[in-house]
Protein backbone atom coordinates (compact mmCIF):
# COMPACT_ATOMS: atom_id res chain seq x y z
CA UNK A 1 112.25 96.23 -108.17
CA UNK A 2 112.88 99.92 -107.58
CA UNK A 3 110.62 102.06 -105.45
CA UNK A 4 110.87 105.75 -104.75
CA UNK A 5 108.39 107.34 -102.38
CA UNK A 6 108.45 110.93 -101.24
CA UNK A 7 106.85 111.57 -97.85
CA UNK A 8 105.61 115.13 -97.83
CA UNK A 9 104.60 116.83 -94.56
CA UNK A 10 101.25 115.44 -93.51
CA UNK A 11 101.21 112.68 -96.15
CA UNK A 12 101.89 109.00 -95.40
CA UNK A 13 104.37 107.11 -97.52
CA UNK A 14 103.23 104.36 -99.84
CA UNK A 15 103.38 100.71 -98.79
CA UNK A 16 105.73 98.03 -100.01
CA UNK A 17 105.11 94.37 -100.76
CA UNK A 18 108.53 92.86 -101.31
CA UNK A 19 109.59 89.77 -99.31
CA UNK A 20 111.21 90.10 -95.89
CA UNK A 21 114.90 90.48 -95.17
CA UNK A 22 117.31 90.06 -92.28
CA UNK A 23 119.56 92.58 -90.58
CA UNK A 24 122.99 91.59 -89.29
CA UNK A 25 122.98 91.55 -85.51
CA UNK A 26 119.17 91.67 -85.27
CA UNK A 27 117.85 88.18 -86.00
CA UNK A 28 114.21 88.31 -84.98
CA UNK A 29 110.99 86.85 -86.35
CA UNK A 30 109.27 88.52 -89.27
CA UNK A 31 105.99 90.39 -89.10
CA UNK A 32 103.46 91.99 -91.40
CA UNK A 33 104.19 93.86 -94.59
CA UNK A 34 105.21 97.49 -94.09
CA UNK A 35 102.34 99.92 -94.60
CA UNK A 36 102.56 103.66 -93.92
CA UNK A 37 106.12 104.94 -94.00
CA UNK A 38 105.44 108.28 -92.32
CA UNK A 39 107.14 108.92 -88.99
CA UNK A 40 104.99 109.46 -85.89
CA UNK A 41 104.36 112.79 -84.24
CA UNK A 42 107.38 114.80 -83.19
CA UNK A 43 109.03 113.70 -79.97
CA UNK A 44 108.81 115.91 -76.87
CA UNK A 45 112.53 116.61 -77.12
CA UNK A 46 111.92 118.29 -80.46
CA UNK A 47 110.00 121.25 -79.11
CA UNK A 48 110.72 124.91 -79.70
CA UNK A 49 113.41 124.92 -77.04
CA UNK A 50 115.46 122.25 -78.80
CA UNK A 51 114.97 124.06 -82.12
CA UNK A 52 116.44 127.24 -80.69
CA UNK A 53 119.38 125.36 -79.21
CA UNK A 54 120.04 122.96 -82.06
CA UNK A 55 123.81 122.33 -82.21
CA UNK A 56 125.39 124.09 -85.16
CA UNK A 57 127.94 121.30 -85.62
CA UNK A 58 125.28 118.64 -86.26
CA UNK A 59 125.02 117.35 -89.87
CA UNK A 60 122.63 118.89 -92.39
CA UNK A 61 121.09 115.60 -93.46
CA UNK A 62 121.06 111.85 -92.88
CA UNK A 63 120.57 108.70 -94.94
CA UNK A 64 119.18 105.89 -92.79
CA UNK A 65 120.30 102.69 -94.49
CA UNK A 66 119.64 98.99 -94.23
CA UNK A 67 121.15 96.37 -96.52
CA UNK A 68 120.35 92.66 -96.52
CA UNK A 69 123.02 90.28 -97.70
CA UNK A 70 123.92 86.74 -98.73
CA UNK A 71 126.11 86.44 -95.63
CA UNK A 72 128.60 88.25 -93.43
CA UNK A 73 131.94 87.68 -95.18
CA UNK A 74 133.81 90.15 -97.36
CA UNK A 75 132.86 88.36 -100.59
CA UNK A 76 129.15 88.22 -99.73
CA UNK A 77 126.73 90.37 -101.69
CA UNK A 78 123.81 92.72 -101.14
CA UNK A 79 120.37 91.28 -101.99
CA UNK A 80 118.28 94.33 -101.04
CA UNK A 81 118.85 97.91 -99.93
CA UNK A 82 116.70 100.68 -98.49
CA UNK A 83 117.36 104.35 -97.72
CA UNK A 84 115.30 106.85 -95.74
CA UNK A 85 116.52 110.40 -96.31
CA UNK A 86 116.10 112.66 -93.29
CA UNK A 87 116.70 116.37 -92.87
CA UNK A 88 118.93 117.94 -90.22
CA UNK A 89 116.35 117.36 -87.47
CA UNK A 90 115.48 113.82 -88.43
CA UNK A 91 112.29 114.54 -90.38
CA UNK A 92 111.75 112.09 -93.21
CA UNK A 93 112.02 113.48 -96.73
CA UNK A 94 111.62 110.37 -98.88
CA UNK A 95 112.48 106.70 -99.01
CA UNK A 96 113.70 104.22 -101.60
CA UNK A 97 114.03 100.44 -101.84
CA UNK A 98 115.37 97.92 -104.30
CA UNK A 99 116.14 94.23 -104.45
CA UNK A 100 119.54 93.42 -105.96
CA UNK A 101 120.60 90.43 -108.03
CA UNK A 102 123.66 89.09 -106.14
CA UNK A 103 124.73 86.94 -109.12
CA UNK A 104 125.03 83.98 -106.78
CA UNK A 105 123.15 81.98 -104.18
CA UNK A 106 121.01 84.39 -102.10
CA UNK A 107 122.08 82.84 -98.79
CA UNK A 108 119.78 82.49 -95.75
CA UNK A 109 116.40 82.81 -97.45
CA UNK A 110 114.67 81.62 -94.25
CA UNK A 111 115.76 84.92 -92.70
CA UNK A 112 115.53 87.55 -95.42
CA UNK A 113 112.88 85.76 -97.47
CA UNK A 114 114.47 86.48 -100.85
CA UNK A 115 114.81 83.44 -103.09
CA UNK A 116 116.71 82.98 -106.34
CA UNK A 117 113.41 83.30 -108.20
CA UNK A 118 112.70 86.62 -106.47
CA UNK A 119 116.09 88.02 -107.47
CA UNK A 120 116.64 86.68 -110.97
CA UNK A 121 115.09 89.77 -112.60
CA UNK A 122 116.27 92.24 -109.96
CA UNK A 123 118.80 94.88 -111.07
CA UNK A 124 122.50 94.30 -110.56
CA UNK A 125 124.27 96.50 -108.06
CA UNK A 126 125.95 98.37 -110.89
CA UNK A 127 122.46 99.28 -112.14
CA UNK A 128 121.38 100.83 -108.84
CA UNK A 129 124.74 102.36 -107.88
CA UNK A 130 123.84 105.80 -109.27
CA UNK A 131 120.46 105.93 -107.56
CA UNK A 132 121.84 104.69 -104.26
CA UNK A 133 124.74 107.11 -104.50
CA UNK A 134 122.43 110.04 -105.16
CA UNK A 135 120.54 109.26 -101.96
CA UNK A 136 123.70 108.97 -99.89
CA UNK A 137 125.49 111.97 -101.37
CA UNK A 138 126.20 114.76 -98.89
CA UNK A 139 124.56 112.93 -95.99
CA UNK A 140 125.69 111.00 -92.94
CA UNK A 141 125.01 107.30 -93.35
CA UNK A 142 123.00 106.06 -90.35
CA UNK A 143 122.63 102.35 -89.62
CA UNK A 144 122.28 99.91 -86.76
CA UNK A 145 125.78 98.39 -86.53
CA UNK A 146 126.84 100.87 -89.21
CA UNK A 147 130.25 99.35 -89.85
CA UNK A 148 128.54 96.29 -91.34
CA UNK A 149 126.22 98.17 -93.71
CA UNK A 150 128.99 100.57 -94.71
CA UNK A 151 131.47 97.73 -95.34
CA UNK A 152 129.02 95.89 -97.59
CA UNK A 153 128.26 99.07 -99.54
CA UNK A 154 131.94 99.98 -99.85
CA UNK A 155 132.79 96.54 -101.22
CA UNK A 156 129.95 96.62 -103.75
CA UNK A 157 131.18 99.97 -105.04
CA UNK A 158 134.76 98.64 -105.11
CA UNK A 159 133.64 95.69 -107.24
CA UNK A 160 132.00 98.16 -109.59
CA UNK A 161 135.25 100.17 -109.58
CA UNK A 162 133.45 103.22 -108.27
CA UNK A 163 133.60 105.39 -105.16
CA UNK A 164 130.55 105.73 -102.87
CA UNK A 165 129.72 109.37 -102.03
CA UNK A 166 129.78 108.81 -98.26
CA UNK A 167 132.15 110.64 -95.96
CA UNK A 168 130.73 109.93 -92.50
CA UNK A 169 128.60 107.34 -90.75
CA UNK A 170 126.72 107.18 -87.46
CA UNK A 171 125.95 103.95 -85.65
CA UNK A 172 122.71 103.99 -83.67
CA UNK A 173 124.16 101.42 -81.28
CA UNK A 174 126.98 103.82 -80.44
CA UNK A 175 124.49 106.69 -80.11
CA UNK A 176 122.29 104.66 -77.76
CA UNK A 177 125.32 103.93 -75.60
CA UNK A 178 126.37 107.58 -75.60
CA UNK A 179 122.86 108.58 -74.52
CA UNK A 180 122.83 105.83 -71.85
CA UNK A 181 119.47 104.57 -73.04
CA UNK A 182 118.08 101.89 -70.66
CA UNK A 183 118.06 99.05 -73.19
CA UNK A 184 118.22 95.33 -72.24
CA UNK A 185 120.51 94.80 -75.26
CA UNK A 186 121.45 96.63 -78.43
CA UNK A 187 119.25 94.86 -80.93
CA UNK A 188 117.15 96.98 -83.26
CA UNK A 189 113.97 95.55 -81.75
CA UNK A 190 115.02 96.77 -78.29
CA UNK A 191 115.74 100.29 -79.55
CA UNK A 192 112.41 100.29 -81.38
CA UNK A 193 110.52 99.10 -78.28
CA UNK A 194 112.15 101.82 -76.17
CA UNK A 195 110.59 104.47 -78.41
CA UNK A 196 107.34 102.61 -79.02
CA UNK A 197 108.10 101.96 -82.68
CA UNK A 198 106.29 99.01 -84.21
CA UNK A 199 108.20 96.56 -86.40
CA UNK A 200 105.85 95.43 -89.15
CA UNK A 201 108.22 93.12 -90.98
CA UNK A 202 111.57 92.50 -89.35
CA UNK A 203 114.44 91.66 -91.71
CA UNK A 204 112.85 93.47 -94.64
CA UNK A 205 115.27 96.23 -95.66
CA UNK A 206 112.60 98.91 -96.13
CA UNK A 207 110.80 98.20 -92.86
CA UNK A 208 114.04 97.93 -90.89
CA UNK A 209 115.12 101.28 -92.34
CA UNK A 210 111.74 102.79 -91.41
CA UNK A 211 111.97 101.46 -87.87
CA UNK A 212 115.48 102.81 -87.50
CA UNK A 213 114.46 106.20 -88.89
CA UNK A 214 111.64 106.43 -86.37
CA UNK A 215 113.95 105.45 -83.52
CA UNK A 216 116.81 107.67 -84.68
CA UNK A 217 114.81 110.88 -84.69
CA UNK A 218 114.01 110.96 -80.94
CA UNK A 219 117.58 109.86 -80.22
CA UNK A 220 118.86 112.74 -82.33
CA UNK A 221 116.64 115.24 -80.50
CA UNK A 222 117.66 113.84 -77.13
CA UNK A 223 121.31 114.22 -78.12
CA UNK A 224 120.68 117.82 -79.18
CA UNK A 225 118.80 118.55 -75.98
CA UNK A 226 121.63 117.16 -73.86
CA UNK A 227 124.31 118.71 -76.08
CA UNK A 228 125.81 115.30 -76.77
CA UNK A 229 128.52 114.99 -79.39
CA UNK A 230 127.30 112.62 -82.12
CA UNK A 231 129.45 109.49 -82.65
CA UNK A 232 130.45 110.32 -86.23
CA UNK A 233 133.11 108.24 -87.95
CA UNK A 234 134.89 108.77 -91.24
CA UNK A 235 134.00 106.42 -94.09
CA UNK A 236 136.99 105.37 -96.15
CA UNK A 237 136.13 103.95 -99.59
CA UNK A 238 138.20 100.91 -100.51
CA UNK A 239 141.17 101.93 -102.64
CA UNK A 240 142.28 98.31 -102.75
CA UNK A 241 140.29 95.21 -101.94
CA UNK A 242 140.87 91.49 -101.80
CA UNK A 243 139.06 89.16 -104.16
CA UNK A 244 137.18 86.22 -102.69
CA UNK A 245 138.94 82.91 -102.04
CA UNK A 246 137.60 81.55 -105.32
CA UNK A 247 139.11 84.43 -107.26
CA UNK A 248 135.76 86.06 -107.96
CA UNK A 249 136.32 89.79 -107.83
CA UNK A 250 135.02 92.78 -109.75
CA UNK A 251 135.25 91.12 -113.16
CA UNK A 252 133.44 87.95 -112.19
CA UNK A 253 130.71 89.80 -110.32
CA UNK A 254 129.92 92.62 -112.66
CA UNK A 255 132.15 92.77 -115.72
CA UNK A 256 130.19 90.63 -118.19
CA UNK A 257 127.51 91.69 -120.59
CA UNK A 258 125.47 88.57 -121.26
CA UNK A 259 121.71 88.29 -121.00
CA UNK A 260 119.95 87.47 -117.75
CA UNK A 261 118.43 84.19 -118.92
CA UNK A 262 115.75 82.43 -116.92
CA UNK A 263 117.58 80.51 -114.17
CA UNK A 264 118.53 81.45 -110.64
CA UNK A 265 121.21 84.01 -109.73
CA UNK A 266 123.56 81.50 -108.11
CA UNK A 267 123.51 78.99 -110.97
CA UNK A 268 125.05 81.01 -113.81
CA UNK A 269 128.33 80.58 -115.60
CA UNK A 270 129.58 83.22 -117.99
CA UNK A 271 128.04 86.55 -118.98
CA UNK A 272 126.86 88.98 -116.35
CA UNK A 273 126.19 86.24 -113.81
CA UNK A 274 129.88 85.60 -113.24
CA UNK A 275 132.25 82.86 -114.29
CA UNK A 276 133.68 79.74 -112.75
CA UNK A 277 133.25 78.77 -109.08
CA UNK A 278 131.65 82.06 -108.04
CA UNK A 279 128.64 81.39 -110.23
CA UNK A 280 127.86 77.91 -108.95
CA UNK A 281 129.43 77.52 -105.53
CA UNK A 282 127.26 75.90 -102.84
CA UNK A 283 125.30 77.92 -100.33
CA UNK A 284 127.43 76.78 -97.39
CA UNK A 285 130.40 78.63 -98.83
CA UNK A 286 128.71 81.98 -98.35
CA UNK A 287 127.31 81.79 -94.84
CA UNK A 288 130.40 81.16 -92.74
CA UNK A 289 132.05 82.45 -89.63
CA UNK A 290 135.05 84.77 -89.66
CA UNK A 291 138.18 83.15 -90.98
CA UNK A 292 140.96 81.97 -88.70
CA UNK A 293 144.41 83.34 -89.43
CA UNK A 294 147.37 80.96 -89.18
CA UNK A 295 149.26 81.04 -85.86
CA UNK A 296 152.29 83.29 -85.69
CA UNK A 297 155.49 81.20 -85.42
CA UNK A 298 157.45 83.92 -83.63
CA UNK A 299 157.40 84.99 -79.96
CA UNK A 300 156.02 88.39 -79.09
CA UNK A 301 159.00 90.78 -78.70
CA UNK A 302 156.90 93.33 -76.84
CA UNK A 303 155.49 96.72 -77.72
CA UNK A 304 156.32 98.69 -80.81
CA UNK A 305 158.69 101.58 -80.12
CA UNK A 306 157.58 104.75 -81.95
CA UNK A 307 160.05 105.61 -84.67
CA UNK A 308 161.45 102.09 -84.75
CA UNK A 309 160.81 99.05 -86.90
CA UNK A 310 158.18 96.39 -86.57
CA UNK A 311 159.59 93.05 -85.42
CA UNK A 312 158.26 89.64 -86.39
CA UNK A 313 156.03 88.27 -83.67
CA UNK A 314 154.58 91.63 -82.67
CA UNK A 315 150.89 91.45 -81.81
CA UNK A 316 148.89 93.90 -83.96
CA UNK A 317 145.20 94.87 -83.76
CA UNK A 318 143.29 96.90 -86.35
CA UNK A 319 140.31 99.15 -85.58
CA UNK A 320 137.89 101.05 -87.78
CA UNK A 321 137.85 101.72 -91.52
CA UNK A 322 140.87 101.11 -93.70
CA UNK A 323 141.43 102.20 -97.28
CA UNK A 324 142.77 98.73 -98.02
CA UNK A 325 140.33 95.87 -97.51
CA UNK A 326 140.71 94.69 -93.91
CA UNK A 327 141.44 91.06 -94.77
CA UNK A 328 143.98 92.09 -97.37
CA UNK A 329 145.74 94.25 -94.79
CA UNK A 330 145.64 91.39 -92.28
CA UNK A 331 147.12 89.02 -94.86
CA UNK A 332 150.00 91.39 -95.52
CA UNK A 333 150.72 91.71 -91.82
CA UNK A 334 150.58 87.93 -91.36
CA UNK A 335 152.89 87.35 -94.32
CA UNK A 336 155.35 89.81 -92.75
CA UNK A 337 155.49 87.65 -89.63
CA UNK A 338 153.20 89.66 -87.36
CA UNK A 339 150.50 88.27 -85.09
CA UNK A 340 147.16 89.82 -86.08
CA UNK A 341 144.78 89.88 -83.12
CA UNK A 342 141.06 90.57 -83.08
CA UNK A 343 141.26 92.41 -79.77
CA UNK A 344 143.49 94.65 -77.69
CA UNK A 345 145.09 93.38 -74.48
CA UNK A 346 148.13 94.19 -72.36
CA UNK A 347 150.13 92.01 -74.76
CA UNK A 348 149.19 94.04 -77.84
CA UNK A 349 152.26 95.60 -79.44
CA UNK A 350 150.46 98.09 -81.66
CA UNK A 351 146.98 99.32 -82.60
CA UNK A 352 146.39 100.43 -86.18
CA UNK A 353 143.53 102.91 -86.65
CA UNK A 354 142.71 105.89 -88.83
CA UNK A 355 140.42 107.30 -86.16
CA UNK A 356 142.31 107.43 -82.84
CA UNK A 357 139.71 109.81 -81.40
CA UNK A 358 136.89 107.29 -81.71
CA UNK A 359 135.43 105.44 -78.74
CA UNK A 360 135.64 101.93 -80.14
CA UNK A 361 136.46 99.25 -77.59
CA UNK A 362 139.90 98.71 -79.13
CA UNK A 363 140.80 102.40 -78.99
CA UNK A 364 139.55 102.71 -75.42
CA UNK A 365 141.57 99.67 -74.32
CA UNK A 366 144.67 100.89 -76.13
CA UNK A 367 144.42 104.18 -74.27
CA UNK A 368 143.98 102.36 -70.97
CA UNK A 369 146.96 100.06 -71.58
CA UNK A 370 149.18 102.71 -73.14
CA UNK A 371 149.40 100.72 -76.36
CA UNK A 372 151.16 102.58 -79.21
CA UNK A 373 148.87 103.70 -82.05
CA UNK A 374 149.67 104.17 -85.75
CA UNK A 375 147.55 105.08 -88.73
CA UNK A 376 147.15 102.79 -91.71
CA UNK A 377 149.57 104.66 -94.00
CA UNK A 378 152.41 104.55 -91.44
CA UNK A 379 151.70 100.89 -90.71
CA UNK A 380 151.85 99.93 -94.38
CA UNK A 381 155.12 101.80 -94.73
CA UNK A 382 156.58 99.82 -91.82
CA UNK A 383 155.32 96.54 -93.31
CA UNK A 384 157.85 96.99 -96.13
CA UNK A 385 160.76 96.33 -93.80
CA UNK A 386 159.84 94.19 -90.80
CA UNK A 387 162.82 93.15 -88.68
CA UNK A 388 163.44 89.40 -88.31
CA UNK A 389 162.49 87.90 -84.97
CA UNK A 390 166.16 87.40 -84.07
CA UNK A 391 166.92 91.11 -84.33
CA UNK A 392 166.30 93.07 -81.11
């Protein structure tokens, strides 16, 4: 189902009656169906003074996004998406919502509420890609734990062999930290409660996006009032991505042209519902924890020396967006004999990041420990000729 509501000044948005959905990192109980989509009265920080002093470097528009998915892994799929478009000062312009046929088992239905029957007639991602792209184009993508929403969107576009029109993202968790908001934790419900925003139906993409839009606006005005630099990060579309462990990549997910039929999304074989294991794999395959990489058989030779070669056994951490799918990059590093670590410590030989100026925990720790930093392109170049562990 596609919905497109324009919220004009002084007019409430229309309601929505789709089932609920979950948000990664914000697993709370559901509530009522979303009703009015209009934001509340302007926050005190948005008075005439803040309008006169509005930072010129702030973006011209935002797209507040929430996507609900079949799981958290790289081969999981989007089952619903919502976008609230905001102007430069956080005022809502319109909103849009759609369910998405994931062409597979929908995953944790007890959280997001979307069953196979709900999604069987929903559009494929390729069928909403243009509309979604038009709403993201030229705007900063805003999300709660934005790296998750952006990664899922980037992978869906990669499967469709297209490029999402997003150049920057802003995480409201990072913004809350930068503003030192007195939150007990960084769940969406805590941010909403801080600003008095009511969650009507948690884990429904449209209502979560509404809640975040309402909470983002006062945060944006507070940042402008305090002249805080927004935590903007570059979004790198995937130039190369790894297919799932069952071999189901772009072709299996979206390359067919058969009819929809009358069964459930996760029980198809052939046609546009995918082929082989991807179309009928059990639910447990989708909802899994992060994979464990094999142990590195070589001792850590120490830190990388700028201008030198990588040596087998070096401990490498990766932070932020990469143009190559993260797991594919990790696999290449592992195959070269490097130890890929999920965190930075005093033993880390090298940090790979395309955004060394960001304030991610890995970058901050690397700066504190004096860990060498390389960008993705330089790292991939060095991966071509890694020195054997015996060479020092």
